[in-house]
Amino acid sequence: MKKRILAVCAALSIVVALAACGTKVEESYQKDRKAEVYGLNRVVKVYSAGTLVAEYNGQLNITASDVPGGIKFEIDGKRYNIYNATVVVEEK
C-alpha cells in the first residue's frame, strides 16, 4: 500500500513539474510573438569606447541588421541602424 501511495505521489510530482515547465515555455513563446508583432517597451543604450552616445526609449522591435555586427529598429516612425557599437537593450 505504501509503495502504491509513493508511486502516485511521484507521478503527480512529475505531472506538476511538467505542467509548470510547459507554462513557462508558453509564456516565453507568447512574449516572443508579441515582440515580433507589436514590439516591447524597451530602453536602448548605445555606447562607443565606453561612453554613452545615444539612448532610445519606447515600443520597439529590434532585428538583426543585414550587416554583421549591426542592429536595426524603428521608433516614432524613424528607422535606426547601428553598426560597430556596444548596444544594451533593457526591457522596461
Foldseek 3Di string as FASTA:
>chain_A
DVVVVVVVVVVVVVVVVVVVVVVVVVVVVVVVVCCVPWAAFKKKFWADPRDTDDIDTDGKHKDADPDPQWIWIDDPRDIDIDHDIDMDMDGD
